[in-house]
PDB file of N, CA and C in Angstrom:
ATOM      1  N   MET A   1      94.870 136.161-207.352  1.00  0.00           N
ATOM      2  CA  MET A   1      95.192 134.947-207.955  1.00  0.00           C
ATOM      3  C   MET A   1      94.727 134.043-207.220  1.00  0.00           C
ATOM      4  N   THR A   2      93.962 132.930-207.404  1.00  0.00           N
ATOM      5  CA  THR A   2      93.584 131.866-206.580  1.00  0.00           C
ATOM      6  C   THR A   2      94.641 130.744-206.246  1.00  0.00           C
ATOM      7  N   ARG A   3      94.822 130.464-205.269  1.00  0.00           N
ATOM      8  CA  ARG A   3      95.826 129.356-205.005  1.00  0.00           C
ATOM      9  C   ARG A   3      95.003 128.229-204.033  1.00  0.00           C
ATOM     10  N   VAL A   4      95.547 127.037-204.431  1.00  0.00           N
ATOM     11  CA  VAL A   4      94.979 125.824-203.628  1.00  0.00           C
ATOM     12  C   VAL A   4      95.675 125.560-202.315  1.00  0.00           C
ATOM     13  N   VAL A   5      95.156 125.579-201.223  1.00  0.00           N
ATOM     14  CA  VAL A   5      95.806 125.287-199.977  1.00  0.00           C
ATOM     15  C   VAL A   5      95.279 124.072-199.357  1.00  0.00           C
ATOM     16  N   GLU A   6      96.267 123.579-198.590  1.00  0.00           N
ATOM     17  CA  GLU A   6      95.729 122.334-197.607  1.00  0.00           C
ATOM     18  C   GLU A   6      96.016 122.712-196.103  1.00  0.00           C
ATOM     19  N   VAL A   7      94.776 122.832-195.376  1.00  0.00           N
ATOM     20  CA  VAL A   7      94.594 123.124-193.838  1.00  0.00           C
ATOM     21  C   VAL A   7      94.783 121.955-193.354  1.00  0.00           C
ATOM     22  N   LEU A   8      95.677 121.622-192.380  1.00  0.00           N
ATOM     23  CA  LEU A   8      95.551 120.324-191.655  1.00  0.00           C
ATOM     24  C   LEU A   8      95.122 120.707-190.152  1.00  0.00           C
ATOM     25  N   VAL A   9      94.123 119.888-189.641  1.00  0.00           N
ATOM     26  CA  VAL A   9      93.787 120.345-188.377  1.00  0.00           C
ATOM     27  C   VAL A   9      93.460 118.836-187.331  1.00  0.00           C
ATOM     28  N   ARG A  10      93.647 119.287-186.073  1.00  0.00           N
ATOM     29  CA  ARG A  10      93.623 118.051-185.370  1.00  0.00           C
ATOM     30  C   ARG A  10      92.206 117.822-185.225  1.00  0.00           C
ATOM     31  N   GLY A  11      91.689 116.369-185.153  1.00  0.00           N
ATOM     32  CA  GLY A  11      90.425 116.120-184.969  1.00  0.00           C
ATOM     33  C   GLY A  11      89.757 115.806-186.035  1.00  0.00           C
ATOM     34  N   ARG A  12      88.386 115.427-185.964  1.00  0.00           N
ATOM     35  CA  ARG A  12      87.638 114.871-186.977  1.00  0.00           C
ATOM     36  C   ARG A  12      86.379 115.872-187.120  1.00  0.00           C
ATOM     37  N   MET A  13      85.898 116.305-188.478  1.00  0.00           N
ATOM     38  CA  MET A  13      84.944 117.122-188.669  1.00  0.00           C
ATOM     39  C   MET A  13      83.494 116.557-188.866  1.00  0.00           C
ATOM     40  N   SER A  14      82.678 117.050-188.162  1.00  0.00           N
ATOM     41  CA  SER A  14      81.209 116.579-188.207  1.00  0.00           C
ATOM     42  C   SER A  14      80.825 116.910-189.994  1.00  0.00           C
ATOM     43  N   ALA A  15      79.879 115.963-190.212  1.00  0.00           N
ATOM     44  CA  ALA A  15      79.298 116.220-191.481  1.00  0.00           C
ATOM     45  C   ALA A  15      78.725 117.627-191.905  1.00  0.00           C
ATOM     46  N   GLN A  16      78.018 118.227-190.735  1.00  0.00           N
ATOM     47  CA  GLN A  16      77.640 119.462-191.047  1.00  0.00           C
ATOM     48  C   GLN A  16      78.804 120.537-191.123  1.00  0.00           C
ATOM     49  N   LEU A  17      79.786 120.477-190.384  1.00  0.00           N
ATOM     50  CA  LEU A  17      80.740 121.243-190.648  1.00  0.00           C
ATOM     51  C   LEU A  17      81.481 121.079-191.977  1.00  0.00           C
ATOM     52  N   ALA A  18      81.653 119.981-192.407  1.00  0.00           N
ATOM     53  CA  ALA A  18      82.262 119.656-193.677  1.00  0.00           C
ATOM     54  C   ALA A  18      81.525 120.453-194.718  1.00  0.00           C
ATOM     55  N   MET A  19      79.988 120.210-194.396  1.00  0.00           N
ATOM     56  CA  MET A  19      79.162 120.794-195.557  1.00  0.00           C
ATOM     57  C   MET A  19      79.158 122.294-195.691  1.00  0.00           C
ATOM     58  N   ALA A  20      79.617 122.958-194.448  1.00  0.00           N
ATOM     59  CA  ALA A  20      79.741 124.186-194.371  1.00  0.00           C
ATOM     60  C   ALA A  20      81.060 124.981-195.043  1.00  0.00           C
ATOM     61  N   LEU A  21      81.676 124.045-195.175  1.00  0.00           N
ATOM     62  CA  LEU A  21      83.114 124.413-195.968  1.00  0.00           C
ATOM     63  C   LEU A  21      82.948 124.188-197.466  1.00  0.00           C
ATOM     64  N   ASP A  22      81.736 124.840-197.966  1.00  0.00           N
ATOM     65  CA  ASP A  22      81.729 124.862-199.336  1.00  0.00           C
ATOM     66  C   ASP A  22      82.723 125.151-200.293  1.00  0.00           C
ATOM     67  N   GLY A  23      83.196 124.138-201.263  1.00  0.00           N
ATOM     68  CA  GLY A  23      84.178 124.336-202.209  1.00  0.00           C
ATOM     69  C   GLY A  23      85.422 123.667-201.801  1.00  0.00           C
ATOM     70  N   PHE A  24      85.213 123.301-200.310  1.00  0.00           N
ATOM     71  CA  PHE A  24      86.616 122.608-199.900  1.00  0.00           C
ATOM     72  C   PHE A  24      86.356 121.110-199.907  1.00  0.00           C
ATOM     73  N   THR A  25      87.357 120.421-200.050  1.00  0.00           N
ATOM     74  CA  THR A  25      87.441 118.859-199.692  1.00  0.00           C
ATOM     75  C   THR A  25      88.007 118.493-198.641  1.00  0.00           C
ATOM     76  N   VAL A  26      87.095 117.829-197.583  1.00  0.00           N
ATOM     77  CA  VAL A  26      87.412 117.678-196.198  1.00  0.00           C
ATOM     78  C   VAL A  26      87.604 116.217-196.325  1.00  0.00           C
ATOM     79  N   GLN A  27      88.757 115.591-195.825  1.00  0.00           N
ATOM     80  CA  GLN A  27      89.289 114.312-195.673  1.00  0.00           C
ATOM     81  C   GLN A  27      89.976 113.841-194.480  1.00  0.00           C
ATOM     82  N   ALA A  28      89.505 112.713-193.826  1.00  0.00           N
ATOM     83  CA  ALA A  28      90.225 112.246-192.559  1.00  0.00           C
ATOM     84  C   ALA A  28      91.634 111.718-192.916  1.00  0.00           C
ATOM     85  N   ARG A  29      92.460 112.155-191.983  1.00  0.00           N
ATOM     86  CA  ARG A  29      93.977 111.614-192.143  1.00  0.00           C
ATOM     87  C   ARG A  29      94.313 110.538-191.144  1.00  0.00           C
ATOM     88  N   PRO A  30      95.361 109.864-191.365  1.00  0.00           N
ATOM     89  CA  PRO A  30      95.745 108.868-190.106  1.00  0.00           C
ATOM     90  C   PRO A  30      96.412 110.016-188.728  1.00  0.00           C
ATOM     91  N   GLY A  31      96.032 109.375-187.630  1.00  0.00           N
ATOM     92  CA  GLY A  31      96.656 109.993-186.367  1.00  0.00           C
ATOM     93  C   GLY A  31      95.726 110.986-185.842  1.00  0.00           C
ATOM     94  N   GLY A  32      94.223 110.888-186.368  1.00  0.00           N
ATOM     95  CA  GLY A  32      93.058 111.747-185.802  1.00  0.00           C
ATOM     96  C   GLY A  32      93.365 113.328-186.435  1.00  0.00           C
ATOM     97  N   LEU A  33      93.760 113.424-187.664  1.00  0.00           N
ATOM     98  CA  LEU A  33      93.964 114.607-188.312  1.00  0.00           C
ATOM     99  C   LEU A  33      92.863 114.715-189.343  1.00  0.00           C
ATOM    100  N   THR A  34      92.738 116.028-189.803  1.00  0.00           N
ATOM    101  CA  THR A  34      91.732 116.086-190.810  1.00  0.00           C
ATOM    102  C   THR A  34      92.464 117.294-191.883  1.00  0.00           C
ATOM    103  N   SER A  35      92.431 116.786-193.289  1.00  0.00           N
ATOM    104  CA  SER A  35      92.848 117.655-194.355  1.00  0.00           C
ATOM    105  C   SER A  35      91.484 118.383-195.025  1.00  0.00           C
ATOM    106  N   ILE A  36      91.813 119.741-194.957  1.00  0.00           N
ATOM    107  CA  ILE A  36      90.888 120.564-195.781  1.00  0.00           C
ATOM    108  C   ILE A  36      91.512 121.134-196.965  1.00  0.00           C
ATOM    109  N   LEU A  37      91.213 120.896-198.051  1.00  0.00           N
ATOM    110  CA  LEU A  37      91.855 121.335-199.277  1.00  0.00           C
ATOM    111  C   LEU A  37      90.862 122.198-200.131  1.00  0.00           C
ATOM    112  N   GLY A  38      91.342 123.320-200.482  1.00  0.00           N
ATOM    113  CA  GLY A  38      90.349 124.196-201.370  1.00  0.00           C
ATOM    114  C   GLY A  38      91.095 125.391-201.805  1.00  0.00           C
ATOM    115  N   PRO A  39      90.200 126.175-202.615  1.00  0.00           N
ATOM    116  CA  PRO A  39      90.761 127.473-202.960  1.00  0.00           C
ATOM    117  C   PRO A  39      90.925 128.599-202.358  1.00  0.00           C
ATOM    118  N   ILE A  40      91.809 129.350-202.032  1.00  0.00           N
ATOM    119  CA  ILE A  40      91.855 130.607-201.446  1.00  0.00           C
ATOM    120  C   ILE A  40      92.326 131.796-202.348  1.00  0.00           C
ATOM    121  N   ASP A  41      91.036 132.795-202.613  1.00  0.00           N
ATOM    122  CA  ASP A  41      91.342 133.891-203.615  1.00  0.00           C
ATOM    123  C   ASP A  41      92.475 134.894-202.957  1.00  0.00           C
ATOM    124  N   ASP A  42      92.150 135.008-201.737  1.00  0.00           N
ATOM    125  CA  ASP A  42      93.095 136.086-201.215  1.00  0.00           C
ATOM    126  C   ASP A  42      93.399 135.857-199.809  1.00  0.00           C
ATOM    127  N   GLN A  43      94.426 136.925-199.104  1.00  0.00           N
ATOM    128  CA  GLN A  43      94.513 136.603-197.836  1.00  0.00           C
ATOM    129  C   GLN A  43      93.318 136.833-196.788  1.00  0.00           C
ATOM    130  N   PRO A  44      92.500 137.869-196.809  1.00  0.00           N
ATOM    131  CA  PRO A  44      91.420 137.981-196.136  1.00  0.00           C
ATOM    132  C   PRO A  44      90.276 136.626-196.109  1.00  0.00           C
ATOM    133  N   ARG A  45      90.363 135.789-197.128  1.00  0.00           N
ATOM    134  CA  ARG A  45      89.667 134.596-197.286  1.00  0.00           C
ATOM    135  C   ARG A  45      90.549 133.608-196.169  1.00  0.00           C
ATOM    136  N   LEU A  46      91.653 133.612-196.567  1.00  0.00           N
ATOM    137  CA  LEU A  46      92.333 132.541-195.562  1.00  0.00           C
ATOM    138  C   LEU A  46      92.362 132.959-194.215  1.00  0.00           C
ATOM    139  N   LEU A  47      92.582 134.071-193.844  1.00  0.00           N
ATOM    140  CA  LEU A  47      92.372 134.600-192.443  1.00  0.00           C
ATOM    141  C   LEU A  47      91.003 134.414-191.798  1.00  0.00           C
ATOM    142  N   GLY A  48      90.037 134.581-192.677  1.00  0.00           N
ATOM    143  CA  GLY A  48      88.777 134.364-192.397  1.00  0.00           C
ATOM    144  C   GLY A  48      88.414 132.818-191.936  1.00  0.00           C
ATOM    145  N   LEU A  49      88.927 131.893-192.653  1.00  0.00           N
ATOM    146  CA  LEU A  49      88.637 130.607-192.608  1.00  0.00           C
ATOM    147  C   LEU A  49      89.684 130.233-191.227  1.00  0.00           C
ATOM    148  N   LEU A  50      90.758 130.631-190.996  1.00  0.00           N
ATOM    149  CA  LEU A  50      91.568 130.470-189.904  1.00  0.00           C
ATOM    150  C   LEU A  50      90.683 130.926-188.713  1.00  0.00           C
ATOM    151  N   GLY A  51      90.242 132.083-188.742  1.00  0.00           N
ATOM    152  CA  GLY A  51      89.474 132.779-187.569  1.00  0.00           C
ATOM    153  C   GLY A  51      88.324 131.887-187.312  1.00  0.00           C
ATOM    154  N   ALA A  52      87.636 131.334-188.413  1.00  0.00           N
ATOM    155  CA  ALA A  52      86.558 130.357-187.910  1.00  0.00           C
ATOM    156  C   ALA A  52      86.798 129.153-187.320  1.00  0.00           C
ATOM    157  N   PHE A  53      88.026 128.632-187.689  1.00  0.00           N
ATOM    158  CA  PHE A  53      88.664 127.412-186.860  1.00  0.00           C
ATOM    159  C   PHE A  53      88.843 127.928-185.414  1.00  0.00           C
ATOM    160  N   ASP A  54      89.295 128.857-185.186  1.00  0.00           N
ATOM    161  CA  ASP A  54      89.775 129.324-183.821  1.00  0.00           C
ATOM    162  C   ASP A  54      88.572 129.723-183.181  1.00  0.00           C
ATOM    163  N   ASP A  55      87.663 130.338-183.750  1.00  0.00           N
ATOM    164  CA  ASP A  55      86.238 130.437-183.004  1.00  0.00           C
ATOM    165  C   ASP A  55      85.773 129.170-182.409  1.00  0.00           C
ATOM    166  N   LEU A  56      85.688 128.085-183.302  1.00  0.00           N
ATOM    167  CA  LEU A  56      85.332 126.613-183.016  1.00  0.00           C
ATOM    168  C   LEU A  56      86.187 125.987-182.114  1.00  0.00           C
ATOM    169  N   HIS A  57      87.300 126.343-181.755  1.00  0.00           N
ATOM    170  CA  HIS A  57      88.525 125.780-181.018  1.00  0.00           C
ATOM    171  C   HIS A  57      88.911 124.583-181.736  1.00  0.00           C
ATOM    172  N   ILE A  58      88.954 124.732-183.123  1.00  0.00           N
ATOM    173  CA  ILE A  58      89.602 123.678-183.920  1.00  0.00           C
ATOM    174  C   ILE A  58      91.172 124.158-184.194  1.00  0.00           C
ATOM    175  N   GLU A  59      92.056 123.298-183.531  1.00  0.00           N
ATOM    176  CA  GLU A  59      93.613 123.393-183.623  1.00  0.00           C
ATOM    177  C   GLU A  59      93.958 123.136-184.933  1.00  0.00           C
ATOM    178  N   VAL A  60      94.676 124.174-185.539  1.00  0.00           N
ATOM    179  CA  VAL A  60      95.288 124.152-186.844  1.00  0.00           C
ATOM    180  C   VAL A  60      96.593 123.625-186.822  1.00  0.00           C
ATOM    181  N   ILE A  61      97.108 122.605-187.328  1.00  0.00           N
ATOM    182  CA  ILE A  61      98.273 122.041-187.442  1.00  0.00           C
ATOM    183  C   ILE A  61      99.139 122.618-188.388  1.00  0.00           C
ATOM    184  N   SER A  62      98.821 122.785-189.587  1.00  0.00           N
ATOM    185  CA  SER A  62      99.599 123.546-190.729  1.00  0.00           C
ATOM    186  C   SER A  62      98.668 124.047-191.803  1.00  0.00           C
ATOM    187  N   VAL A  63      99.358 125.083-192.530  1.00  0.00           N
ATOM    188  CA  VAL A  63      98.762 125.681-193.682  1.00  0.00           C
ATOM    189  C   VAL A  63      99.615 125.511-194.923  1.00  0.00           C
ATOM    190  N   ASN A  64      99.399 124.801-195.793  1.00  0.00           N
ATOM    191  CA  ASN A  64     100.201 124.372-196.921  1.00  0.00           C
ATOM    192  C   ASN A  64      99.649 124.767-198.354  1.00  0.00           C
ATOM    193  N   PRO A  65     100.515 125.613-199.020  1.00  0.00           N
ATOM    194  CA  PRO A  65     100.237 125.941-200.510  1.00  0.00           C
ATOM    195  C   PRO A  65     100.149 124.207-201.180  1.00  0.00           C
ATOM    196  N   VAL A  66      99.334 124.326-201.993  1.00  0.00           N
ATOM    197  CA  VAL A  66      99.543 122.960-202.985  1.00  0.00           C
ATOM    198  C   VAL A  66     100.019 123.356-204.362  1.00  0.00           C
ATOM    199  N   PRO A  67     101.044 122.944-204.571  1.00  0.00           N
ATOM    200  CA  PRO A  67     101.795 123.420-205.906  1.00  0.00           C
ATOM    201  C   PRO A  67     101.041 123.097-207.173  1.00  0.00           C
ATOM    202  N   ALA A  68     100.763 123.965-208.099  1.00  0.00           N
ATOM    203  CA  ALA A  68     100.120 123.730-209.253  1.00  0.00           C
ATOM    204  C   ALA A  68     100.869 122.870-210.286  1.00  0.00           C
ATOM    205  N   PRO A  69     100.385 121.567-210.877  1.00  0.00           N
ATOM    206  CA  PRO A  69     100.983 121.004-211.959  1.00  0.00           C
ATOM    207  C   PRO A  69     101.695 121.749-212.970  1.00  0.00           C
ATOM    208  N   ASP A  70     103.111 121.545-213.256  1.00  0.00           N
ATOM    209  CA  ASP A  70     103.545 122.380-214.335  1.00  0.00           C
ATOM    210  C   ASP A  70     103.079 121.780-215.413  1.00  0.00           C
ATOM    211  N   ALA A  71     102.835 122.682-216.773  1.00  0.00           N
ATOM    212  CA  ALA A  71     102.435 122.516-217.968  1.00  0.00           C
ATOM    213  C   ALA A  71     103.361 121.393-218.844  1.00  0.00           C
ATOM    214  N   GLY A  72     104.528 121.666-218.533  1.00  0.00           N
ATOM    215  CA  GLY A  72     105.569 120.812-219.403  1.00  0.00           C
ATOM    216  C   GLY A  72     105.913 119.697-218.498  1.00  0.00           C
ATOM    217  N   SER A  73     105.488 119.487-217.337  1.00  0.00           N
ATOM    218  CA  SER A  73     105.865 118.056-216.424  1.00  0.00           C
ATOM    219  C   SER A  73     104.825 117.094-216.712  1.00  0.00           C
ATOM    220  N   PRO A  74     105.319 115.778-216.737  1.00  0.00           N
ATOM    221  CA  PRO A  74     104.006 114.740-216.420  1.00  0.00           C
ATOM    222  C   PRO A  74     103.443 114.664-215.233  1.00  0.00           C
ATOM    223  N   GLU A  75     102.032 114.578-215.350  1.00  0.00           N
ATOM    224  CA  GLU A  75     101.211 114.229-214.397  1.00  0.00           C
ATOM    225  C   GLU A  75     101.627 113.014-213.517  1.00  0.00           C
ATOM    226  N   GLN A  76     101.093 112.872-212.539  1.00  0.00           N
ATOM    227  CA  GLN A  76     101.328 111.696-211.738  1.00  0.00           C
ATOM    228  C   GLN A  76     100.716 110.583-212.437  1.00  0.00           C
ATOM    229  N   GLY A  77     101.327 109.467-212.624  1.00  0.00           N
ATOM    230  CA  GLY A  77     100.880 108.351-213.290  1.00  0.00           C
ATOM    231  C   GLY A  77     101.190 108.395-214.653  1.00  0.00           C
ATOM    232  N   ASP A  78     101.555 109.542-215.445  1.00  0.00           N
ATOM    233  CA  ASP A  78     101.916 109.674-216.765  1.00  0.00           C
ATOM    234  C   ASP A  78     103.467 109.157-216.747  1.00  0.00           C
ATOM    235  N   ALA A  79     103.765 108.608-217.941  1.00  0.00           N
ATOM    236  CA  ALA A  79     105.128 108.051-218.322  1.00  0.00           C
ATOM    237  C   ALA A  79     105.935 109.335-218.370  1.00  0.00           C
ATOM    238  N   GLY A  80     107.148 109.305-217.697  1.00  0.00           N
ATOM    239  CA  GLY A  80     108.068 110.360-217.754  1.00  0.00           C
ATOM    240  C   GLY A  80     108.832 110.569-219.116  1.00  0.00           C
ATOM    241  N   ALA A  81     108.934 109.520-219.573  1.00  0.00           N
ATOM    242  CA  ALA A  81     109.707 109.584-220.968  1.00  0.00           C
ATOM    243  C   ALA A  81     109.455 108.206-221.959  1.00  0.00           C
ATOM    244  N   SER A  82     109.199 108.569-223.004  1.00  0.00           N
ATOM    245  CA  SER A  82     109.141 107.387-223.987  1.00  0.00           C
ATOM    246  C   SER A  82     110.321 106.477-224.175  1.00  0.00           C
ATOM    247  N   THR A  83     110.173 105.261-224.572  1.00  0.00           N
ATOM    248  CA  THR A  83     111.155 104.366-225.040  1.00  0.00           C
ATOM    249  C   THR A  83     110.917 104.117-226.444  1.00  0.00           C
ATOM    250  N   PRO A  84     112.058 104.153-227.205  1.00  0.00           N
ATOM    251  CA  PRO A  84     111.991 103.818-228.551  1.00  0.00           C
ATOM    252  C   PRO A  84     111.701 102.315-228.846  1.00  0.00           C
ATOM    253  N   ASP A  85     111.040 102.039-229.908  1.00  0.00           N
ATOM    254  CA  ASP A  85     110.578 100.822-230.202  1.00  0.00           C
ATOM    255  C   ASP A  85     111.662 100.075-231.081  1.00  0.00           C
TER     256      ASP A  85
END
């Protein structure tokens, strides 16, 4: 099962490194951090990604699963309840 994760690292990514992370969204965050968001198919892929960061001496701050939106709950920006007319 594919899950979406966010890996938060210290520092900024070069354009070349961001492009090498094919399938991931790389975004600068406040405080000199970078968010790497993308799909992880299985644990070996996650460990490979984290190992690559370690090889490049990129400090990983956190790895967080991104919850999938519930089919029955309103999306961000949707009205939670309708009001009668």
